[in-house]
């Protein structure tokens, strides 16, 4: 993958791309202060909030995929745990308070350098409403998940595994690499 770092954050010098001693990948290395600048995947934390036999979904008010549906999720902030980030994102996007009860799965998206950490959670109450990043927030039954209007393949993958777990009365922890393209079943589930 191409290096996006052009200048050293430590001293401001133009960095060089090279493989540092003892490593195997190209890195941005400062020729002046010798700092190695690492670029790593971003972590996205989210939750599937449950209330009785329904889950809470948000309709996106922002790009990308404006107007399509997702569960609450977003990038972690420094100093947060994945659980804290999932709860914060749920509060921001749906004004909903949750109790996380288990890990649904970890989903790798190498094509966009992201890793999704998705939790199963219980809504603490029904006092939810759209936040600034949501046009609408709704509780839906599993039969009413808007499969043809989900925002991203990772949302489809996560919800597919969540529904399968409910149907089989299991609570597995999943791990998957989400393909760059929408799966054939993306619009027909």
N, C-alpha and C. Protein backbone atom coordinates (compact mmCIF):
# COMPACT_ATOMS: atom_id res chain seq x y z
N UNK A 1 0.85 -1.18 0.00
CA UNK A 1 0.00 0.00 0.00
C UNK A 1 0.89 1.24 0.00
N UNK A 2 0.47 2.27 -0.69
CA UNK A 2 1.29 3.48 -0.75
C UNK A 2 1.34 4.19 0.60
N UNK A 3 2.45 4.83 0.85
CA UNK A 3 2.65 5.58 2.07
C UNK A 3 1.98 6.95 1.90
N UNK A 4 1.16 7.34 2.85
CA UNK A 4 0.47 8.63 2.80
C UNK A 4 1.18 9.71 3.60
N UNK A 5 2.21 9.36 4.32
CA UNK A 5 2.93 10.32 5.15
C UNK A 5 4.03 10.96 4.30
N UNK A 6 4.05 12.28 4.27
CA UNK A 6 5.04 13.01 3.46
C UNK A 6 6.09 13.71 4.31
N UNK A 7 5.67 14.14 5.51
CA UNK A 7 6.57 14.90 6.37
C UNK A 7 6.63 14.28 7.75
N UNK A 8 7.76 14.39 8.39
CA UNK A 8 7.95 13.87 9.74
C UNK A 8 7.15 14.71 10.74
N UNK A 9 6.35 14.04 11.54
CA UNK A 9 5.56 14.73 12.56
C UNK A 9 6.45 15.21 13.72
N UNK A 10 7.64 14.65 13.82
CA UNK A 10 8.56 15.00 14.90
C UNK A 10 9.36 16.27 14.57
N UNK A 11 9.94 16.32 13.33
CA UNK A 11 10.84 17.44 13.01
C UNK A 11 10.46 18.19 11.73
N UNK A 12 9.51 17.69 10.97
CA UNK A 12 9.05 18.38 9.78
C UNK A 12 9.81 18.06 8.50
N UNK A 13 10.81 17.22 8.56
CA UNK A 13 11.58 16.87 7.36
C UNK A 13 10.74 16.01 6.41
N UNK A 14 11.11 16.05 5.14
CA UNK A 14 10.48 15.17 4.16
C UNK A 14 10.94 13.74 4.46
N UNK A 15 9.98 12.81 4.55
CA UNK A 15 10.32 11.43 4.88
C UNK A 15 10.74 10.66 3.62
N UNK A 16 11.40 9.55 3.83
CA UNK A 16 11.79 8.64 2.76
C UNK A 16 11.05 7.33 2.96
N UNK A 17 10.71 6.68 1.85
CA UNK A 17 10.15 5.34 1.94
C UNK A 17 11.28 4.34 1.88
N UNK A 18 11.37 3.52 2.93
CA UNK A 18 12.39 2.47 2.93
C UNK A 18 11.99 1.40 3.92
N UNK A 19 12.66 0.27 3.83
CA UNK A 19 12.42 -0.83 4.75
C UNK A 19 13.44 -0.70 5.88
N UNK A 20 12.97 -0.34 7.09
CA UNK A 20 13.90 -0.19 8.22
C UNK A 20 14.56 -1.53 8.57
N UNK A 21 15.70 -1.46 9.16
CA UNK A 21 16.43 -2.64 9.60
C UNK A 21 15.55 -3.48 10.53
N UNK A 22 15.49 -4.76 10.26
CA UNK A 22 14.70 -5.67 11.09
C UNK A 22 13.23 -5.74 10.71
N UNK A 23 12.82 -5.02 9.68
CA UNK A 23 11.42 -5.04 9.24
C UNK A 23 11.34 -5.58 7.81
N UNK A 24 10.12 -5.79 7.34
CA UNK A 24 9.92 -6.35 6.00
C UNK A 24 9.06 -5.49 5.10
N UNK A 25 8.51 -4.41 5.62
CA UNK A 25 7.60 -3.56 4.84
C UNK A 25 8.17 -2.16 4.68
N UNK A 26 7.78 -1.52 3.56
CA UNK A 26 8.15 -0.12 3.36
C UNK A 26 7.50 0.74 4.43
N UNK A 27 8.26 1.67 4.96
CA UNK A 27 7.75 2.59 5.98
C UNK A 27 8.20 4.00 5.61
N UNK A 28 7.52 4.98 6.18
CA UNK A 28 7.95 6.37 6.07
C UNK A 28 8.98 6.59 7.18
N UNK A 29 10.21 6.88 6.77
CA UNK A 29 11.31 7.04 7.74
C UNK A 29 11.90 8.43 7.56
N UNK A 30 12.09 9.12 8.66
CA UNK A 30 12.69 10.45 8.61
C UNK A 30 14.21 10.32 8.52
N UNK A 31 14.82 10.90 7.48
CA UNK A 31 16.28 10.82 7.35
C UNK A 31 17.01 11.71 8.37
N UNK A 32 16.28 12.68 8.95
CA UNK A 32 16.92 13.60 9.90
C UNK A 32 16.92 13.05 11.32
N UNK A 33 15.73 12.69 11.84
CA UNK A 33 15.65 12.25 13.24
C UNK A 33 15.45 10.74 13.36
N UNK A 34 15.33 10.05 12.23
CA UNK A 34 15.27 8.59 12.15
C UNK A 34 14.01 7.98 12.76
N UNK A 35 12.99 8.79 12.95
CA UNK A 35 11.71 8.27 13.44
C UNK A 35 11.07 7.45 12.33
N UNK A 36 10.52 6.29 12.69
CA UNK A 36 9.75 5.47 11.75
C UNK A 36 8.28 5.79 11.98
N UNK A 37 7.59 6.19 10.92
CA UNK A 37 6.16 6.51 11.00
C UNK A 37 5.36 5.32 10.49
N UNK A 38 4.55 4.75 11.37
CA UNK A 38 3.74 3.59 11.02
C UNK A 38 2.34 4.03 10.66
N UNK A 39 1.78 3.44 9.62
CA UNK A 39 0.37 3.63 9.28
C UNK A 39 -0.33 2.31 9.54
N UNK A 40 -1.36 2.36 10.35
CA UNK A 40 -2.06 1.15 10.75
C UNK A 40 -3.55 1.27 10.44
N UNK A 41 -4.25 0.13 10.38
CA UNK A 41 -5.69 0.18 10.12
C UNK A 41 -6.43 0.96 11.21
N UNK A 42 -7.54 1.54 10.81
CA UNK A 42 -8.41 2.23 11.76
C UNK A 42 -9.40 1.22 12.33
N UNK A 43 -9.72 1.38 13.60
CA UNK A 43 -10.68 0.49 14.26
C UNK A 43 -12.03 1.20 14.34
N UNK A 44 -13.06 0.49 13.89
CA UNK A 44 -14.44 0.95 13.97
C UNK A 44 -15.13 0.07 15.00
N UNK A 45 -15.79 0.68 15.96
CA UNK A 45 -16.53 -0.07 16.98
C UNK A 45 -18.00 0.22 16.84
N UNK A 46 -18.81 -0.83 16.96
CA UNK A 46 -20.25 -0.67 16.81
C UNK A 46 -21.02 -1.64 17.67
N UNK A 47 -22.33 -1.42 17.70
CA UNK A 47 -23.20 -2.29 18.49
C UNK A 47 -24.47 -2.61 17.71
N UNK A 48 -25.02 -3.75 18.03
CA UNK A 48 -26.36 -4.11 17.56
C UNK A 48 -27.23 -4.08 18.82
N UNK A 49 -27.89 -2.93 19.07
CA UNK A 49 -28.70 -2.79 20.28
C UNK A 49 -30.03 -3.57 20.15
N UNK A 50 -30.33 -4.36 21.16
CA UNK A 50 -31.52 -5.20 21.15
C UNK A 50 -32.57 -4.68 22.13
N UNK A 51 -33.82 -4.85 21.75
CA UNK A 51 -34.95 -4.61 22.65
C UNK A 51 -35.99 -5.67 22.33
N UNK A 52 -36.20 -6.59 23.25
CA UNK A 52 -37.09 -7.72 23.04
C UNK A 52 -36.68 -8.45 21.75
N UNK A 53 -37.56 -8.53 20.76
CA UNK A 53 -37.22 -9.25 19.52
C UNK A 53 -36.84 -8.30 18.38
N UNK A 54 -36.39 -7.10 18.73
CA UNK A 54 -36.05 -6.10 17.72
C UNK A 54 -34.62 -5.59 17.92
N UNK A 55 -34.09 -4.98 16.87
CA UNK A 55 -32.78 -4.33 16.95
C UNK A 55 -32.91 -2.89 16.48
N UNK A 56 -32.01 -2.05 16.96
CA UNK A 56 -32.03 -0.63 16.63
C UNK A 56 -31.13 -0.37 15.43
N UNK A 57 -31.68 0.25 14.40
CA UNK A 57 -30.92 0.63 13.22
C UNK A 57 -31.01 2.13 13.00
N UNK A 58 -29.99 2.68 12.37
CA UNK A 58 -29.92 4.11 12.08
C UNK A 58 -29.85 4.33 10.57
N UNK A 59 -30.59 5.32 10.10
CA UNK A 59 -30.52 5.70 8.69
C UNK A 59 -29.54 6.87 8.58
N UNK A 60 -28.51 6.70 7.77
CA UNK A 60 -27.40 7.64 7.72
C UNK A 60 -27.81 9.02 7.19
N UNK A 61 -27.35 10.07 7.90
CA UNK A 61 -27.58 11.45 7.48
C UNK A 61 -26.33 12.05 6.87
N UNK A 62 -25.29 11.23 6.71
CA UNK A 62 -24.01 11.72 6.19
C UNK A 62 -23.49 10.77 5.10
N UNK A 63 -22.62 11.29 4.28
CA UNK A 63 -21.91 10.45 3.31
C UNK A 63 -20.76 9.78 4.04
N UNK A 64 -20.30 8.66 3.60
CA UNK A 64 -20.80 7.94 2.44
C UNK A 64 -22.08 7.18 2.75
N UNK A 65 -22.81 6.88 1.70
CA UNK A 65 -24.03 6.06 1.75
C UNK A 65 -25.17 6.75 2.51
N UNK A 66 -25.30 8.04 2.27
CA UNK A 66 -26.38 8.85 2.84
C UNK A 66 -27.73 8.19 2.57
N UNK A 67 -28.57 8.11 3.60
CA UNK A 67 -29.92 7.60 3.47
C UNK A 67 -30.06 6.09 3.62
N UNK A 68 -28.94 5.38 3.72
CA UNK A 68 -29.01 3.93 3.89
C UNK A 68 -28.87 3.56 5.37
N UNK A 69 -29.17 2.31 5.67
CA UNK A 69 -29.28 1.86 7.06
C UNK A 69 -28.01 1.17 7.56
N UNK A 70 -27.79 1.32 8.86
CA UNK A 70 -26.64 0.72 9.53
C UNK A 70 -26.99 0.51 10.99
N UNK A 71 -26.15 -0.20 11.70
CA UNK A 71 -26.24 -0.17 13.15
C UNK A 71 -25.25 0.90 13.62
N UNK A 72 -25.39 1.42 14.84
CA UNK A 72 -24.49 2.48 15.30
C UNK A 72 -23.05 2.00 15.34
N UNK A 73 -22.16 2.74 14.69
CA UNK A 73 -20.74 2.38 14.66
C UNK A 73 -19.93 3.58 14.20
N UNK A 74 -18.67 3.61 14.60
CA UNK A 74 -17.79 4.68 14.17
C UNK A 74 -16.37 4.46 14.66
N UNK A 75 -15.49 5.33 14.23
CA UNK A 75 -14.08 5.21 14.56
C UNK A 75 -13.83 5.44 16.04
N UNK A 76 -12.92 4.62 16.58
CA UNK A 76 -12.50 4.79 17.98
C UNK A 76 -11.73 6.08 18.15
N UNK A 77 -11.78 6.62 19.33
CA UNK A 77 -10.98 7.76 19.72
C UNK A 77 -9.82 7.27 20.58
N UNK A 78 -8.77 8.05 20.65
CA UNK A 78 -7.64 7.71 21.52
C UNK A 78 -8.11 7.61 22.97
N UNK A 79 -7.61 6.64 23.68
CA UNK A 79 -7.95 6.48 25.09
C UNK A 79 -9.23 5.72 25.35
N UNK A 80 -9.92 5.25 24.31
CA UNK A 80 -11.16 4.50 24.49
C UNK A 80 -10.90 3.00 24.37
N UNK A 81 -11.72 2.23 25.06
CA UNK A 81 -11.79 0.80 24.79
C UNK A 81 -12.77 0.61 23.63
N UNK A 82 -12.76 -0.57 23.03
CA UNK A 82 -13.73 -0.81 21.95
C UNK A 82 -15.16 -0.76 22.49
N UNK A 83 -15.36 -1.24 23.71
CA UNK A 83 -16.69 -1.18 24.31
C UNK A 83 -17.14 0.26 24.54
N UNK A 84 -16.22 1.09 25.05
CA UNK A 84 -16.54 2.51 25.26
C UNK A 84 -16.87 3.19 23.93
N UNK A 85 -16.12 2.88 22.89
CA UNK A 85 -16.36 3.49 21.58
C UNK A 85 -17.71 3.07 21.03
N UNK A 86 -18.06 1.79 21.16
CA UNK A 86 -19.36 1.32 20.67
C UNK A 86 -20.51 2.01 21.41
N UNK A 87 -20.38 2.14 22.73
CA UNK A 87 -21.41 2.81 23.52
C UNK A 87 -21.50 4.29 23.16
N UNK A 88 -20.35 4.95 22.97
CA UNK A 88 -20.35 6.37 22.61
C UNK A 88 -21.00 6.58 21.24
N UNK A 89 -20.64 5.75 20.27
CA UNK A 89 -21.21 5.89 18.93
C UNK A 89 -22.72 5.67 18.95
N UNK A 90 -23.19 4.73 19.77
CA UNK A 90 -24.63 4.48 19.89
C UNK A 90 -25.33 5.69 20.49
N UNK A 91 -24.71 6.30 21.48
CA UNK A 91 -25.27 7.50 22.10
C UNK A 91 -25.27 8.66 21.10
N UNK A 92 -24.18 8.83 20.35
CA UNK A 92 -24.09 9.93 19.39
C UNK A 92 -25.08 9.78 18.23
N UNK A 93 -25.17 8.57 17.69
CA UNK A 93 -25.97 8.36 16.48
C UNK A 93 -27.45 8.15 16.76
N UNK A 94 -27.78 7.63 17.97
CA UNK A 94 -29.17 7.30 18.25
C UNK A 94 -29.65 7.81 19.61
N UNK A 95 -28.84 8.58 20.31
CA UNK A 95 -29.18 9.04 21.66
C UNK A 95 -29.64 7.87 22.52
N UNK A 96 -29.09 6.69 22.27
CA UNK A 96 -29.50 5.48 22.97
C UNK A 96 -28.39 5.02 23.93
N UNK A 97 -28.82 4.64 25.12
CA UNK A 97 -27.90 4.09 26.12
C UNK A 97 -27.99 2.58 26.07
N UNK A 98 -26.82 1.93 26.09
CA UNK A 98 -26.78 0.48 25.96
C UNK A 98 -25.93 -0.16 27.05
N UNK A 99 -26.16 -1.44 27.24
CA UNK A 99 -25.29 -2.31 28.03
C UNK A 99 -24.77 -3.37 27.07
N UNK A 100 -23.48 -3.40 26.88
CA UNK A 100 -22.88 -4.39 26.00
C UNK A 100 -22.86 -5.72 26.74
N UNK A 101 -23.28 -6.79 26.04
CA UNK A 101 -23.27 -8.09 26.71
C UNK A 101 -22.37 -9.12 26.07
N UNK A 102 -22.00 -8.97 24.79
CA UNK A 102 -21.06 -9.94 24.22
C UNK A 102 -20.51 -9.42 22.89
N UNK A 103 -19.42 -10.00 22.49
CA UNK A 103 -18.80 -9.67 21.21
C UNK A 103 -19.46 -10.49 20.11
N UNK A 104 -19.98 -9.83 19.09
CA UNK A 104 -20.51 -10.54 17.92
C UNK A 104 -19.35 -10.98 17.04
N UNK A 105 -18.44 -10.05 16.72
CA UNK A 105 -17.35 -10.45 15.88
C UNK A 105 -16.39 -9.34 15.52
N UNK A 106 -15.33 -9.77 14.86
CA UNK A 106 -14.31 -8.87 14.35
C UNK A 106 -14.26 -9.08 12.84
N UNK A 107 -14.43 -8.00 12.10
CA UNK A 107 -14.54 -8.06 10.65
C UNK A 107 -13.46 -7.19 10.03
N UNK A 108 -12.59 -7.81 9.26
CA UNK A 108 -11.47 -7.12 8.63
C UNK A 108 -11.86 -6.62 7.25
N UNK A 109 -11.52 -5.36 6.96
CA UNK A 109 -11.74 -4.75 5.66
C UNK A 109 -10.39 -4.26 5.14
N UNK A 110 -9.53 -5.16 4.67
CA UNK A 110 -8.19 -4.75 4.28
C UNK A 110 -8.17 -3.75 3.12
N UNK A 111 -9.19 -3.78 2.27
CA UNK A 111 -9.23 -2.87 1.12
C UNK A 111 -9.40 -1.41 1.52
N UNK A 112 -9.89 -1.14 2.73
CA UNK A 112 -10.00 0.23 3.22
C UNK A 112 -9.25 0.41 4.54
N UNK A 113 -8.43 -0.58 4.90
CA UNK A 113 -7.61 -0.53 6.12
C UNK A 113 -8.43 -0.24 7.37
N UNK A 114 -9.53 -1.02 7.53
CA UNK A 114 -10.37 -0.88 8.71
C UNK A 114 -10.61 -2.25 9.34
N UNK A 115 -10.85 -2.24 10.64
CA UNK A 115 -11.27 -3.43 11.37
C UNK A 115 -12.51 -3.03 12.17
N UNK A 116 -13.61 -3.75 11.95
CA UNK A 116 -14.84 -3.52 12.71
C UNK A 116 -14.89 -4.47 13.89
N UNK A 117 -15.19 -3.92 15.07
CA UNK A 117 -15.43 -4.70 16.27
C UNK A 117 -16.89 -4.45 16.63
N UNK A 118 -17.72 -5.50 16.54
CA UNK A 118 -19.17 -5.35 16.68
C UNK A 118 -19.65 -6.12 17.90
N UNK A 119 -20.42 -5.44 18.75
CA UNK A 119 -20.95 -6.02 19.98
C UNK A 119 -22.46 -6.20 19.92
N UNK A 120 -22.93 -7.23 20.62
CA UNK A 120 -24.36 -7.36 20.92
C UNK A 120 -24.59 -6.51 22.17
N UNK A 121 -25.71 -5.80 22.21
CA UNK A 121 -25.97 -4.92 23.35
C UNK A 121 -27.47 -4.87 23.63
N UNK A 122 -27.81 -4.51 24.84
CA UNK A 122 -29.21 -4.30 25.23
C UNK A 122 -29.45 -2.80 25.37
N UNK A 123 -30.57 -2.33 24.83
CA UNK A 123 -30.99 -0.95 25.07
C UNK A 123 -31.41 -0.83 26.53
N UNK A 124 -31.00 0.26 27.17
CA UNK A 124 -31.40 0.48 28.57
C UNK A 124 -32.84 0.98 28.67
N UNK A 125 -33.29 1.65 27.64
CA UNK A 125 -34.65 2.19 27.63
C UNK A 125 -35.02 2.51 26.18
N UNK A 126 -36.22 3.04 25.98
CA UNK A 126 -36.67 3.37 24.63
C UNK A 126 -36.58 4.86 24.32
N UNK A 127 -35.74 5.58 25.05
CA UNK A 127 -35.55 7.02 24.85
C UNK A 127 -34.49 7.27 23.79
N UNK A 128 -34.73 6.80 22.58
CA UNK A 128 -33.77 7.04 21.50
C UNK A 128 -34.39 7.97 20.48
N UNK A 129 -33.52 8.64 19.73
CA UNK A 129 -33.94 9.55 18.66
C UNK A 129 -32.73 9.78 17.78
N UNK A 130 -32.93 10.26 16.56
CA UNK A 130 -31.79 10.49 15.67
C UNK A 130 -30.80 11.50 16.24
N UNK A 131 -29.53 11.17 16.12
CA UNK A 131 -28.46 12.10 16.43
C UNK A 131 -28.09 12.85 15.16
N UNK A 132 -27.07 13.69 15.20
CA UNK A 132 -26.71 14.51 14.05
C UNK A 132 -26.28 13.70 12.81
N UNK A 133 -25.85 12.45 13.00
CA UNK A 133 -25.42 11.64 11.86
C UNK A 133 -26.51 10.70 11.37
N UNK A 134 -27.72 10.81 11.94
CA UNK A 134 -28.82 9.91 11.58
C UNK A 134 -30.05 10.69 11.14
N UNK A 135 -30.66 10.23 10.04
CA UNK A 135 -31.93 10.80 9.59
C UNK A 135 -33.09 10.20 10.36
N UNK A 136 -32.94 8.93 10.74
CA UNK A 136 -34.00 8.20 11.41
C UNK A 136 -33.36 7.10 12.24
N UNK A 137 -34.04 6.70 13.28
CA UNK A 137 -33.61 5.59 14.13
C UNK A 137 -34.86 4.76 14.41
N UNK A 138 -34.77 3.45 14.15
CA UNK A 138 -35.94 2.59 14.33
C UNK A 138 -35.58 1.26 14.93
N UNK A 139 -36.52 0.74 15.73
CA UNK A 139 -36.45 -0.65 16.16
C UNK A 139 -37.11 -1.48 15.07
N UNK A 140 -36.42 -2.51 14.61
CA UNK A 140 -36.98 -3.38 13.56
C UNK A 140 -36.87 -4.83 14.00
N UNK A 141 -37.83 -5.64 13.57
CA UNK A 141 -37.72 -7.07 13.79
C UNK A 141 -36.70 -7.61 12.81
N UNK A 142 -36.21 -8.80 13.07
CA UNK A 142 -35.23 -9.40 12.17
C UNK A 142 -35.83 -9.60 10.78
N UNK A 143 -37.13 -9.88 10.72
CA UNK A 143 -37.80 -10.06 9.42
C UNK A 143 -37.90 -8.74 8.65
N UNK A 144 -37.78 -7.61 9.35
CA UNK A 144 -37.93 -6.31 8.70
C UNK A 144 -36.60 -5.57 8.48
N UNK A 145 -35.48 -6.26 8.65
CA UNK A 145 -34.20 -5.62 8.36
C UNK A 145 -34.19 -5.21 6.89
N UNK A 146 -33.87 -3.96 6.59
CA UNK A 146 -33.90 -3.48 5.20
C UNK A 146 -32.66 -3.93 4.40
N UNK A 147 -32.59 -5.23 4.13
CA UNK A 147 -31.40 -5.82 3.51
C UNK A 147 -30.97 -5.09 2.25
N UNK A 148 -31.92 -4.66 1.44
CA UNK A 148 -31.58 -4.00 0.16
C UNK A 148 -31.13 -2.56 0.35
N UNK A 149 -31.22 -2.05 1.58
CA UNK A 149 -30.88 -0.65 1.83
C UNK A 149 -29.85 -0.51 2.95
N UNK A 150 -29.01 -1.52 3.12
CA UNK A 150 -27.94 -1.44 4.11
C UNK A 150 -26.76 -0.67 3.52
N UNK A 151 -26.10 0.10 4.35
CA UNK A 151 -25.08 1.04 3.88
C UNK A 151 -23.81 0.38 3.35
N UNK A 152 -23.34 -0.68 3.99
CA UNK A 152 -22.03 -1.23 3.65
C UNK A 152 -22.05 -2.76 3.70
N UNK A 153 -21.20 -3.41 2.92
CA UNK A 153 -21.11 -4.87 3.00
C UNK A 153 -20.79 -5.39 4.40
N UNK A 154 -20.00 -4.67 5.19
CA UNK A 154 -19.69 -5.13 6.54
C UNK A 154 -20.92 -5.13 7.44
N UNK A 155 -21.85 -4.21 7.20
CA UNK A 155 -23.10 -4.19 7.96
C UNK A 155 -23.92 -5.42 7.59
N UNK A 156 -23.99 -5.71 6.29
CA UNK A 156 -24.70 -6.90 5.81
C UNK A 156 -24.09 -8.16 6.42
N UNK A 157 -22.77 -8.26 6.37
CA UNK A 157 -22.07 -9.45 6.90
C UNK A 157 -22.34 -9.61 8.40
N UNK A 158 -22.24 -8.54 9.14
CA UNK A 158 -22.46 -8.59 10.60
C UNK A 158 -23.89 -8.99 10.92
N UNK A 159 -24.86 -8.35 10.26
CA UNK A 159 -26.26 -8.65 10.53
C UNK A 159 -26.64 -10.05 10.08
N UNK A 160 -26.07 -10.52 8.98
CA UNK A 160 -26.33 -11.89 8.53
C UNK A 160 -25.90 -12.88 9.60
N UNK A 161 -24.72 -12.68 10.15
CA UNK A 161 -24.22 -13.58 11.19
C UNK A 161 -25.03 -13.44 12.48
N UNK A 162 -25.43 -12.22 12.81
CA UNK A 162 -26.26 -11.98 13.99
C UNK A 162 -27.60 -12.72 13.86
N UNK A 163 -28.26 -12.57 12.72
CA UNK A 163 -29.56 -13.22 12.50
C UNK A 163 -29.40 -14.74 12.54
N UNK A 164 -28.36 -15.26 11.93
CA UNK A 164 -28.11 -16.71 11.94
C UNK A 164 -27.94 -17.21 13.38
N UNK A 165 -27.23 -16.44 14.19
CA UNK A 165 -27.06 -16.83 15.60
C UNK A 165 -28.40 -16.86 16.33
N UNK A 166 -29.25 -15.88 16.08
CA UNK A 166 -30.57 -15.84 16.72
C UNK A 166 -31.39 -17.04 16.27
N UNK A 167 -31.39 -17.31 14.97
CA UNK A 167 -32.18 -18.41 14.43
C UNK A 167 -31.73 -19.77 14.95
N UNK A 168 -30.44 -19.92 15.22
CA UNK A 168 -29.91 -21.19 15.70
C UNK A 168 -29.73 -21.22 17.22
N UNK A 169 -30.15 -20.15 17.87
CA UNK A 169 -30.05 -20.03 19.33
C UNK A 169 -28.62 -20.25 19.82
N UNK A 170 -27.66 -19.67 19.08
CA UNK A 170 -26.27 -19.71 19.49
C UNK A 170 -25.76 -18.28 19.60
N UNK A 171 -24.67 -18.12 20.29
CA UNK A 171 -24.05 -16.79 20.38
C UNK A 171 -22.57 -16.97 20.08
N UNK A 172 -22.26 -17.13 18.83
CA UNK A 172 -20.89 -17.33 18.42
C UNK A 172 -20.14 -16.00 18.34
N UNK A 173 -18.84 -16.09 18.41
CA UNK A 173 -17.99 -14.94 18.13
C UNK A 173 -17.42 -15.17 16.74
N UNK A 174 -17.67 -14.24 15.84
CA UNK A 174 -17.32 -14.41 14.43
C UNK A 174 -16.06 -13.63 14.08
N UNK A 175 -15.40 -14.12 13.04
CA UNK A 175 -14.25 -13.44 12.47
C UNK A 175 -14.34 -13.64 10.97
N UNK A 176 -14.21 -12.55 10.21
CA UNK A 176 -14.32 -12.67 8.76
C UNK A 176 -13.58 -11.53 8.09
N UNK A 177 -13.14 -11.81 6.88
CA UNK A 177 -12.63 -10.78 5.99
C UNK A 177 -13.78 -10.42 5.07
N UNK A 178 -14.17 -9.15 5.07
CA UNK A 178 -15.29 -8.70 4.25
C UNK A 178 -14.75 -8.35 2.87
N UNK A 179 -15.35 -8.92 1.83
CA UNK A 179 -14.83 -8.68 0.47
C UNK A 179 -14.99 -7.23 0.04
N UNK A 180 -14.19 -6.87 -0.97
CA UNK A 180 -14.25 -5.50 -1.49
C UNK A 180 -15.54 -5.25 -2.23
N UNK A 181 -16.13 -6.26 -2.79
CA UNK A 181 -17.38 -6.14 -3.54
C UNK A 181 -18.54 -6.63 -2.67
N UNK A 182 -19.73 -6.15 -2.98
CA UNK A 182 -20.91 -6.65 -2.28
C UNK A 182 -21.11 -8.11 -2.67
N UNK A 183 -21.40 -8.98 -1.71
CA UNK A 183 -21.65 -10.37 -2.03
C UNK A 183 -22.90 -10.49 -2.89
N UNK A 184 -23.03 -11.57 -3.69
CA UNK A 184 -24.22 -11.73 -4.54
C UNK A 184 -25.51 -11.65 -3.76
N UNK A 185 -25.50 -12.09 -2.50
CA UNK A 185 -26.72 -12.07 -1.70
C UNK A 185 -27.01 -10.70 -1.10
N UNK A 186 -26.13 -9.69 -1.33
CA UNK A 186 -26.26 -8.39 -0.67
C UNK A 186 -27.64 -7.78 -0.88
N UNK A 187 -28.16 -7.87 -2.10
CA UNK A 187 -29.46 -7.24 -2.38
C UNK A 187 -30.59 -8.23 -2.43
N UNK A 188 -30.35 -9.50 -2.09
CA UNK A 188 -31.43 -10.46 -2.21
C UNK A 188 -31.70 -11.22 -0.91
N UNK A 189 -31.11 -10.80 0.19
CA UNK A 189 -31.33 -11.52 1.46
C UNK A 189 -32.70 -11.24 2.02
